[in-house]
PDB file of N, CA and C in Angstrom:
ATOM      1  N   MET A   1       0.818  -1.192   0.000  1.00  0.00           N
ATOM      2  CA  MET A   1       0.000   0.000   0.000  1.00  0.00           C
ATOM      3  C   MET A   1       0.856   1.247   0.000  1.00  0.00           C
ATOM      4  N   ARG A   2       1.956   1.193   0.750  1.00  0.00           N
ATOM      5  CA  ARG A   2       2.795   2.390   0.822  1.00  0.00           C
ATOM      6  C   ARG A   2       3.387   2.748  -0.544  1.00  0.00           C
ATOM      7  N   GLU A   3       3.709   1.727  -1.360  1.00  0.00           N
ATOM      8  CA  GLU A   3       4.235   2.010  -2.697  1.00  0.00           C
ATOM      9  C   GLU A   3       3.204   2.755  -3.539  1.00  0.00           C
ATOM     10  N   LYS A   4       1.947   2.420  -3.389  1.00  0.00           N
ATOM     11  CA  LYS A   4       0.889   3.030  -4.185  1.00  0.00           C
ATOM     12  C   LYS A   4       0.428   4.372  -3.620  1.00  0.00           C
ATOM     13  N   LEU A   5       0.331   4.488  -2.287  1.00  0.00           N
ATOM     14  CA  LEU A   5      -0.248   5.676  -1.663  1.00  0.00           C
ATOM     15  C   LEU A   5       0.751   6.590  -0.970  1.00  0.00           C
ATOM     16  N   GLY A   6       1.981   6.147  -0.813  1.00  0.00           N
ATOM     17  CA  GLY A   6       2.971   6.966  -0.122  1.00  0.00           C
ATOM     18  C   GLY A   6       3.026   6.637   1.361  1.00  0.00           C
ATOM     19  N   ASP A   7       3.800   7.427   2.109  1.00  0.00           N
ATOM     20  CA  ASP A   7       4.013   7.149   3.529  1.00  0.00           C
ATOM     21  C   ASP A   7       2.829   7.514   4.414  1.00  0.00           C
ATOM     22  N   ASP A   8       1.963   8.411   3.984  1.00  0.00           N
ATOM     23  CA  ASP A   8       0.844   8.860   4.800  1.00  0.00           C
ATOM     24  C   ASP A   8      -0.419   8.093   4.414  1.00  0.00           C
ATOM     25  N   VAL A   9      -0.508   6.841   4.855  1.00  0.00           N
ATOM     26  CA  VAL A   9      -1.639   5.988   4.524  1.00  0.00           C
ATOM     27  C   VAL A   9      -2.711   6.152   5.608  1.00  0.00           C
ATOM     28  N   PRO A  10      -3.918   6.581   5.237  1.00  0.00           N
ATOM     29  CA  PRO A  10      -4.972   6.822   6.238  1.00  0.00           C
ATOM     30  C   PRO A  10      -5.667   5.532   6.678  1.00  0.00           C
ATOM     31  N   VAL A  11      -4.950   4.704   7.442  1.00  0.00           N
ATOM     32  CA  VAL A  11      -5.507   3.467   7.967  1.00  0.00           C
ATOM     33  C   VAL A  11      -5.494   3.568   9.483  1.00  0.00           C
ATOM     34  N   TYR A  12      -6.620   3.215  10.092  1.00  0.00           N
ATOM     35  CA  TYR A  12      -6.751   3.292  11.539  1.00  0.00           C
ATOM     36  C   TYR A  12      -7.083   1.912  12.077  1.00  0.00           C
ATOM     37  N   ALA A  13      -6.656   1.624  13.297  1.00  0.00           N
ATOM     38  CA  ALA A  13      -6.926   0.329  13.915  1.00  0.00           C
ATOM     39  C   ALA A  13      -7.461   0.538  15.323  1.00  0.00           C
ATOM     40  N   ASP A  14      -8.486  -0.220  15.670  1.00  0.00           N
ATOM     41  CA  ASP A  14      -9.032  -0.265  17.021  1.00  0.00           C
ATOM     42  C   ASP A  14      -8.953  -1.716  17.473  1.00  0.00           C
ATOM     43  N   VAL A  15      -8.563  -1.935  18.727  1.00  0.00           N
ATOM     44  CA  VAL A  15      -8.490  -3.289  19.269  1.00  0.00           C
ATOM     45  C   VAL A  15      -9.192  -3.303  20.621  1.00  0.00           C
ATOM     46  N   TRP A  16     -10.104  -4.276  20.798  1.00  0.00           N
ATOM     47  CA  TRP A  16     -10.783  -4.474  22.069  1.00  0.00           C
ATOM     48  C   TRP A  16     -10.044  -5.563  22.821  1.00  0.00           C
ATOM     49  N   VAL A  17      -9.792  -5.347  24.106  1.00  0.00           N
ATOM     50  CA  VAL A  17      -9.032  -6.275  24.939  1.00  0.00           C
ATOM     51  C   VAL A  17      -9.904  -6.708  26.111  1.00  0.00           C
ATOM     52  N   ASP A  18      -9.886  -8.013  26.435  1.00  0.00           N
ATOM     53  CA  ASP A  18     -10.681  -8.505  27.568  1.00  0.00           C
ATOM     54  C   ASP A  18      -9.936  -8.312  28.890  1.00  0.00           C
ATOM     55  N   ASP A  19     -10.544  -8.748  29.982  1.00  0.00           N
ATOM     56  CA  ASP A  19      -9.963  -8.569  31.317  1.00  0.00           C
ATOM     57  C   ASP A  19      -8.646  -9.316  31.504  1.00  0.00           C
ATOM     58  N   GLU A  20      -8.372 -10.298  30.635  1.00  0.00           N
ATOM     59  CA  GLU A  20      -7.123 -11.056  30.722  1.00  0.00           C
ATOM     60  C   GLU A  20      -6.051 -10.509  29.779  1.00  0.00           C
ATOM     61  N   GLY A  21      -6.316  -9.381  29.127  1.00  0.00           N
ATOM     62  CA  GLY A  21      -5.334  -8.752  28.253  1.00  0.00           C
ATOM     63  C   GLY A  21      -5.265  -9.334  26.857  1.00  0.00           C
ATOM     64  N   ARG A  22      -6.266 -10.144  26.473  1.00  0.00           N
ATOM     65  CA  ARG A  22      -6.275 -10.761  25.143  1.00  0.00           C
ATOM     66  C   ARG A  22      -7.085  -9.908  24.180  1.00  0.00           C
ATOM     67  N   ALA A  23      -6.592  -9.770  22.966  1.00  0.00           N
ATOM     68  CA  ALA A  23      -7.353  -9.064  21.933  1.00  0.00           C
ATOM     69  C   ALA A  23      -8.560  -9.921  21.566  1.00  0.00           C
ATOM     70  N   VAL A  24      -9.764  -9.363  21.688  1.00  0.00           N
ATOM     71  CA  VAL A  24     -10.977 -10.119  21.371  1.00  0.00           C
ATOM     72  C   VAL A  24     -11.672  -9.592  20.113  1.00  0.00           C
ATOM     73  N   GLN A  25     -11.301  -8.391  19.690  1.00  0.00           N
ATOM     74  CA  GLN A  25     -11.850  -7.850  18.440  1.00  0.00           C
ATOM     75  C   GLN A  25     -10.881  -6.800  17.903  1.00  0.00           C
ATOM     76  N   ALA A  26     -10.732  -6.774  16.596  1.00  0.00           N
ATOM     77  CA  ALA A  26      -9.877  -5.782  15.948  1.00  0.00           C
ATOM     78  C   ALA A  26     -10.616  -5.229  14.741  1.00  0.00           C
ATOM     79  N   ARG A  27     -10.487  -3.928  14.529  1.00  0.00           N
ATOM     80  CA  ARG A  27     -11.130  -3.281  13.381  1.00  0.00           C
ATOM     81  C   ARG A  27     -10.108  -2.396  12.663  1.00  0.00           C
ATOM     82  N   LEU A  28      -9.977  -2.593  11.350  1.00  0.00           N
ATOM     83  CA  LEU A  28      -9.132  -1.752  10.505  1.00  0.00           C
ATOM     84  C   LEU A  28     -10.038  -0.899   9.643  1.00  0.00           C
ATOM     85  N   SER A  29      -9.744   0.396   9.572  1.00  0.00           N
ATOM     86  CA  SER A  29     -10.546   1.319   8.777  1.00  0.00           C
ATOM     87  C   SER A  29      -9.643   2.085   7.825  1.00  0.00           C
ATOM     88  N   TYR A  30     -10.102   2.247   6.595  1.00  0.00           N
ATOM     89  CA  TYR A  30      -9.373   2.998   5.576  1.00  0.00           C
ATOM     90  C   TYR A  30     -10.323   4.054   5.028  1.00  0.00           C
ATOM     91  N   PHE A  31      -9.885   5.328   5.041  1.00  0.00           N
ATOM     92  CA  PHE A  31     -10.747   6.407   4.585  1.00  0.00           C
ATOM     93  C   PHE A  31     -10.017   7.330   3.610  1.00  0.00           C
ATOM     94  N   GLY A  32      -9.360   6.781   2.615  1.00  0.00           N
ATOM     95  CA  GLY A  32      -8.636   7.602   1.655  1.00  0.00           C
ATOM     96  C   GLY A  32      -9.196   7.431   0.257  1.00  0.00           C
ATOM     97  N   GLY A  33      -9.993   8.367  -0.215  1.00  0.00           N
ATOM     98  CA  GLY A  33     -10.566   8.256  -1.548  1.00  0.00           C
ATOM     99  C   GLY A  33     -11.775   7.342  -1.597  1.00  0.00           C
ATOM    100  N   MET A  34     -11.724   6.259  -0.883  1.00  0.00           N
ATOM    101  CA  MET A  34     -12.845   5.339  -0.721  1.00  0.00           C
ATOM    102  C   MET A  34     -12.851   4.921   0.741  1.00  0.00           C
ATOM    103  N   LYS A  35     -13.918   4.312   1.173  1.00  0.00           N
ATOM    104  CA  LYS A  35     -14.008   3.895   2.573  1.00  0.00           C
ATOM    105  C   LYS A  35     -14.130   2.386   2.652  1.00  0.00           C
ATOM    106  N   ALA A  36     -13.398   1.795   3.595  1.00  0.00           N
ATOM    107  CA  ALA A  36     -13.484   0.356   3.831  1.00  0.00           C
ATOM    108  C   ALA A  36     -13.238   0.090   5.304  1.00  0.00           C
ATOM    109  N   MET A  37     -13.920  -0.908   5.834  1.00  0.00           N
ATOM    110  CA  MET A  37     -13.729  -1.286   7.230  1.00  0.00           C
ATOM    111  C   MET A  37     -13.777  -2.812   7.329  1.00  0.00           C
ATOM    112  N   THR A  38     -12.828  -3.379   8.067  1.00  0.00           N
ATOM    113  CA  THR A  38     -12.765  -4.812   8.294  1.00  0.00           C
ATOM    114  C   THR A  38     -12.745  -5.049   9.796  1.00  0.00           C
ATOM    115  N   THR A  39     -13.637  -5.931  10.276  1.00  0.00           N
ATOM    116  CA  THR A  39     -13.691  -6.260  11.699  1.00  0.00           C
ATOM    117  C   THR A  39     -13.463  -7.759  11.875  1.00  0.00           C
ATOM    118  N   MET A  40     -12.614  -8.114  12.837  1.00  0.00           N
ATOM    119  CA  MET A  40     -12.324  -9.509  13.129  1.00  0.00           C
ATOM    120  C   MET A  40     -12.611  -9.751  14.617  1.00  0.00           C
ATOM    121  N   THR A  41     -13.393 -10.781  14.919  1.00  0.00           N
ATOM    122  CA  THR A  41     -13.702 -11.150  16.294  1.00  0.00           C
ATOM    123  C   THR A  41     -12.962 -12.447  16.626  1.00  0.00           C
ATOM    124  N   LEU A  42     -12.296 -12.477  17.782  1.00  0.00           N
ATOM    125  CA  LEU A  42     -11.517 -13.622  18.217  1.00  0.00           C
ATOM    126  C   LEU A  42     -12.185 -14.241  19.442  1.00  0.00           C
ATOM    127  N   SER A  43     -12.262 -15.586  19.476  1.00  0.00           N
ATOM    128  CA  SER A  43     -12.901 -16.259  20.612  1.00  0.00           C
ATOM    129  C   SER A  43     -12.345 -17.672  20.756  1.00  0.00           C
ATOM    130  N   ASP A  44     -12.869 -18.400  21.712  1.00  0.00           N
ATOM    131  CA  ASP A  44     -12.484 -19.795  21.961  1.00  0.00           C
ATOM    132  C   ASP A  44     -10.980 -19.941  22.188  1.00  0.00           C
ATOM    133  N   PHE A  45     -10.405 -19.058  22.992  1.00  0.00           N
ATOM    134  CA  PHE A  45      -8.978 -19.101  23.276  1.00  0.00           C
ATOM    135  C   PHE A  45      -8.593 -20.431  23.907  1.00  0.00           C
ATOM    136  N   GLY A  46      -7.483 -20.999  23.465  1.00  0.00           N
ATOM    137  CA  GLY A  46      -6.981 -22.251  24.004  1.00  0.00           C
ATOM    138  C   GLY A  46      -7.581 -23.490  23.366  1.00  0.00           C
ATOM    139  N   THR A  47      -8.548 -23.319  22.470  1.00  0.00           N
ATOM    140  CA  THR A  47      -9.165 -24.453  21.794  1.00  0.00           C
ATOM    141  C   THR A  47      -8.257 -24.921  20.662  1.00  0.00           C
ATOM    142  N   PRO A  48      -7.874 -26.194  20.648  1.00  0.00           N
ATOM    143  CA  PRO A  48      -7.018 -26.689  19.561  1.00  0.00           C
ATOM    144  C   PRO A  48      -7.723 -26.558  18.209  1.00  0.00           C
ATOM    145  N   VAL A  49      -6.962 -26.201  17.198  1.00  0.00           N
ATOM    146  CA  VAL A  49      -7.486 -26.035  15.848  1.00  0.00           C
ATOM    147  C   VAL A  49      -6.592 -26.800  14.877  1.00  0.00           C
ATOM    148  N   LYS A  50      -7.207 -27.550  13.979  1.00  0.00           N
ATOM    149  CA  LYS A  50      -6.451 -28.228  12.933  1.00  0.00           C
ATOM    150  C   LYS A  50      -6.736 -27.485  11.626  1.00  0.00           C
ATOM    151  N   ALA A  51      -5.715 -26.908  11.060  1.00  0.00           N
ATOM    152  CA  ALA A  51      -5.870 -26.150   9.818  1.00  0.00           C
ATOM    153  C   ALA A  51      -5.026 -26.779   8.721  1.00  0.00           C
ATOM    154  N   GLU A  52      -5.579 -26.820   7.526  1.00  0.00           N
ATOM    155  CA  GLU A  52      -4.855 -27.349   6.380  1.00  0.00           C
ATOM    156  C   GLU A  52      -4.789 -26.277   5.291  1.00  0.00           C
ATOM    157  N   ALA A  53      -3.660 -26.213   4.631  1.00  0.00           N
ATOM    158  CA  ALA A  53      -3.505 -25.256   3.532  1.00  0.00           C
ATOM    159  C   ALA A  53      -4.426 -25.658   2.378  1.00  0.00           C
ATOM    160  N   PRO A  54      -5.035 -24.683   1.705  1.00  0.00           N
ATOM    161  CA  PRO A  54      -5.878 -25.010   0.556  1.00  0.00           C
ATOM    162  C   PRO A  54      -5.033 -25.508  -0.613  1.00  0.00           C
ATOM    163  N   SER A  55      -5.670 -26.212  -1.529  1.00  0.00           N
ATOM    164  CA  SER A  55      -4.952 -26.669  -2.722  1.00  0.00           C
ATOM    165  C   SER A  55      -4.609 -25.455  -3.588  1.00  0.00           C
ATOM    166  N   ALA A  56      -3.639 -25.611  -4.477  1.00  0.00           N
ATOM    167  CA  ALA A  56      -3.205 -24.498  -5.330  1.00  0.00           C
ATOM    168  C   ALA A  56      -4.360 -23.932  -6.154  1.00  0.00           C
ATOM    169  N   GLY A  57      -5.316 -24.764  -6.543  1.00  0.00           N
ATOM    170  CA  GLY A  57      -6.454 -24.306  -7.333  1.00  0.00           C
ATOM    171  C   GLY A  57      -7.431 -23.434  -6.559  1.00  0.00           C
ATOM    172  N   GLN A  58      -7.330 -23.433  -5.230  1.00  0.00           N
ATOM    173  CA  GLN A  58      -8.213 -22.626  -4.398  1.00  0.00           C
ATOM    174  C   GLN A  58      -7.568 -21.318  -3.950  1.00  0.00           C
ATOM    175  N   VAL A  59      -6.330 -21.084  -4.340  1.00  0.00           N
ATOM    176  CA  VAL A  59      -5.592 -19.910  -3.904  1.00  0.00           C
ATOM    177  C   VAL A  59      -5.606 -18.846  -4.990  1.00  0.00           C
ATOM    178  N   VAL A  60      -5.920 -17.611  -4.585  1.00  0.00           N
ATOM    179  CA  VAL A  60      -5.902 -16.480  -5.512  1.00  0.00           C
ATOM    180  C   VAL A  60      -4.899 -15.475  -4.966  1.00  0.00           C
ATOM    181  N   PRO A  61      -3.812 -15.194  -5.698  1.00  0.00           N
ATOM    182  CA  PRO A  61      -2.830 -14.232  -5.216  1.00  0.00           C
ATOM    183  C   PRO A  61      -3.421 -12.813  -5.162  1.00  0.00           C
ATOM    184  N   VAL A  62      -3.022 -12.063  -4.159  1.00  0.00           N
ATOM    185  CA  VAL A  62      -3.451 -10.678  -4.022  1.00  0.00           C
ATOM    186  C   VAL A  62      -2.223  -9.813  -4.191  1.00  0.00           C
ATOM    187  N   THR A  63      -2.270  -8.907  -5.134  1.00  0.00           N
ATOM    188  CA  THR A  63      -1.121  -8.025  -5.382  1.00  0.00           C
ATOM    189  C   THR A  63      -1.336  -6.689  -4.669  1.00  0.00           C
ATOM    190  N   ALA A  64      -0.281  -5.906  -4.584  1.00  0.00           N
ATOM    191  CA  ALA A  64      -0.347  -4.596  -3.934  1.00  0.00           C
ATOM    192  C   ALA A  64      -1.463  -3.768  -4.559  1.00  0.00           C
ATOM    193  N   GLY A  65      -2.254  -3.133  -3.712  1.00  0.00           N
ATOM    194  CA  GLY A  65      -3.353  -2.311  -4.192  1.00  0.00           C
ATOM    195  C   GLY A  65      -4.644  -3.079  -4.374  1.00  0.00           C
ATOM    196  N   GLU A  66      -4.613  -4.401  -4.172  1.00  0.00           N
ATOM    197  CA  GLU A  66      -5.826  -5.209  -4.319  1.00  0.00           C
ATOM    198  C   GLU A  66      -6.224  -5.853  -2.996  1.00  0.00           C
ATOM    199  N   ASP A  67      -5.598  -5.429  -1.891  1.00  0.00           N
ATOM    200  CA  ASP A  67      -5.923  -6.068  -0.621  1.00  0.00           C
ATOM    201  C   ASP A  67      -7.313  -5.679  -0.151  1.00  0.00           C
ATOM    202  N   VAL A  68      -7.747  -6.269   0.946  1.00  0.00           N
ATOM    203  CA  VAL A  68      -9.121  -6.104   1.407  1.00  0.00           C
ATOM    204  C   VAL A  68      -9.461  -4.646   1.718  1.00  0.00           C
ATOM    205  N   LEU A  69      -8.499  -3.851   2.130  1.00  0.00           N
ATOM    206  CA  LEU A  69      -8.797  -2.458   2.455  1.00  0.00           C
ATOM    207  C   LEU A  69      -8.932  -1.580   1.217  1.00  0.00           C
ATOM    208  N   LEU A  70      -8.446  -2.036   0.084  1.00  0.00           N
ATOM    209  CA  LEU A  70      -8.530  -1.224  -1.127  1.00  0.00           C
ATOM    210  C   LEU A  70      -9.453  -1.812  -2.166  1.00  0.00           C
ATOM    211  N   ALA A  71      -9.976  -3.003  -1.937  1.00  0.00           N
ATOM    212  CA  ALA A  71     -10.819  -3.662  -2.930  1.00  0.00           C
ATOM    213  C   ALA A  71     -12.148  -2.973  -3.092  1.00  0.00           C
TER     214      ALA A  71
END
């Protein structure tokens, strides 16, 4: 993003923290020329997770300037 927009990128972040100091929600906001907001909620701390990488046919590369905040 910095290559496309320069050093002054208007992106803001808010993070909600629980009583144990864990981030439970994060929000990224972009307000430059267009507006975009992404919110992520985190829960079930300590729960084991099994994750597998998707096959190559399910992966779509994202290039600079096409990320979620600029799409």
